Amino acid sequence: MDREAAVIRSEMTQTRADLDRKLELFQVRARDMTPRRYVQRHMPDYPVDRAIGAALTMTGMFMAWRMYQGHVARRAKVRVAMESYGRW
């Protein structure tokens, strides 16, 4: 009986240690996934790289805005055309 209890106790101790280790790993992972750490990990080290990245981002945003505005203008033209067609 004592032997079985000792085996069960040792398994419980081992399981508890494994769970504690996994919990610690998850906590470290959670700290590494904060927005600040993510930005620090992915932000370029040099100011020139940051400036180039910002310029490319702004260029892409400008191009997307122009395409969106063109799409809105085309829809407005179609709407006007459909309204004038309906009045005939």
Protein backbone atom coordinates (compact mmCIF):
# COMPACT_ATOMS: atom_id res chain seq x y z
CA MET A 1 0.00 0.00 0.00
CA ASP A 2 2.76 2.43 0.92
CA ARG A 3 4.54 1.69 -2.29
CA GLU A 4 1.47 2.51 -4.41
CA ALA A 5 0.91 5.72 -2.46
CA ALA A 6 4.55 6.69 -3.01
CA VAL A 7 4.23 6.04 -6.76
CA ILE A 8 1.04 8.10 -6.95
CA ARG A 9 2.65 10.90 -4.93
CA SER A 10 5.69 10.95 -7.19
CA GLU A 11 3.50 11.03 -10.30
CA MET A 12 1.50 13.90 -8.83
CA THR A 13 4.70 15.78 -8.01
CA GLN A 14 6.02 15.20 -11.52
CA THR A 15 2.72 16.32 -13.06
CA ARG A 16 2.67 19.44 -10.91
CA ALA A 17 6.25 20.26 -11.93
CA ASP A 18 5.38 19.77 -15.61
CA LEU A 19 2.36 22.01 -15.31
CA ASP A 20 4.36 24.69 -13.51
CA ARG A 21 7.00 24.59 -16.24
CA LYS A 22 4.35 24.88 -18.98
CA LEU A 23 2.66 27.74 -17.15
CA GLU A 24 5.95 29.60 -16.91
CA LEU A 25 6.54 29.10 -20.64
CA PHE A 26 3.08 30.45 -21.44
CA GLN A 27 3.65 33.47 -19.23
CA VAL A 28 6.95 34.22 -20.97
CA ARG A 29 5.22 33.83 -24.33
CA ALA A 30 2.42 36.17 -23.26
CA ARG A 31 4.94 38.82 -22.22
CA ASP A 32 6.67 38.50 -25.61
CA MET A 33 3.37 39.00 -27.44
CA THR A 34 2.55 42.42 -26.00
CA PRO A 35 2.22 45.12 -28.68
CA ARG A 36 5.29 46.97 -27.42
CA ARG A 37 7.52 43.90 -27.62
CA TYR A 38 6.11 43.00 -31.04
CA VAL A 39 6.96 46.44 -32.40
CA GLN A 40 10.42 46.34 -30.85
CA ARG A 41 11.04 42.98 -32.47
CA HIS A 42 9.86 44.01 -35.94
CA MET A 43 10.85 47.69 -36.08
CA PRO A 44 13.92 48.37 -38.23
CA ASP A 45 17.01 49.32 -36.26
CA TYR A 46 18.13 52.25 -38.39
CA PRO A 47 16.32 55.59 -38.87
CA VAL A 48 16.87 55.43 -42.64
CA ASP A 49 15.06 52.09 -42.80
CA ARG A 50 12.22 53.54 -40.76
CA ALA A 51 11.99 56.57 -43.05
CA ILE A 52 11.94 54.37 -46.15
CA GLY A 53 9.24 52.19 -44.58
CA ALA A 54 7.16 55.23 -43.68
CA ALA A 55 7.52 56.65 -47.19
CA LEU A 56 6.47 53.35 -48.76
CA THR A 57 3.53 53.08 -46.39
CA MET A 58 2.36 56.59 -47.20
CA THR A 59 2.76 55.92 -50.94
CA GLY A 60 0.67 52.77 -50.63
CA MET A 61 -2.00 54.58 -48.63
CA PHE A 62 -2.10 57.37 -51.24
CA MET A 63 -2.47 54.84 -54.07
CA ALA A 64 -5.23 53.00 -52.23
CA TRP A 65 -7.04 56.28 -51.53
CA ARG A 66 -6.86 57.28 -55.20
CA MET A 67 -8.27 53.92 -56.28
CA TYR A 68 -11.06 54.24 -53.73
CA GLN A 69 -11.89 57.76 -54.92
CA GLY A 70 -11.94 56.54 -58.52
CA HIS A 71 -14.30 53.74 -57.55
CA VAL A 72 -16.62 56.18 -55.76
CA ALA A 73 -16.59 58.53 -58.77
CA ARG A 74 -17.42 55.67 -61.17
CA ARG A 75 -20.32 54.57 -58.96
CA ALA A 76 -21.63 58.14 -58.86
CA LYS A 77 -21.52 58.33 -62.68
CA VAL A 78 -23.37 55.03 -62.99
CA ARG A 79 -25.95 56.19 -60.46
CA VAL A 80 -26.54 59.42 -62.39
CA ALA A 81 -26.78 57.49 -65.65
CA MET A 82 -29.29 55.04 -64.17
CA GLU A 83 -31.39 57.87 -62.78
CA SER A 84 -31.47 59.69 -66.09
CA TYR A 85 -32.33 56.48 -67.91
CA GLY A 86 -35.24 55.85 -65.56
CA ARG A 87 -36.76 59.27 -66.35
CA TRP A 88 -37.04 58.65 -70.07
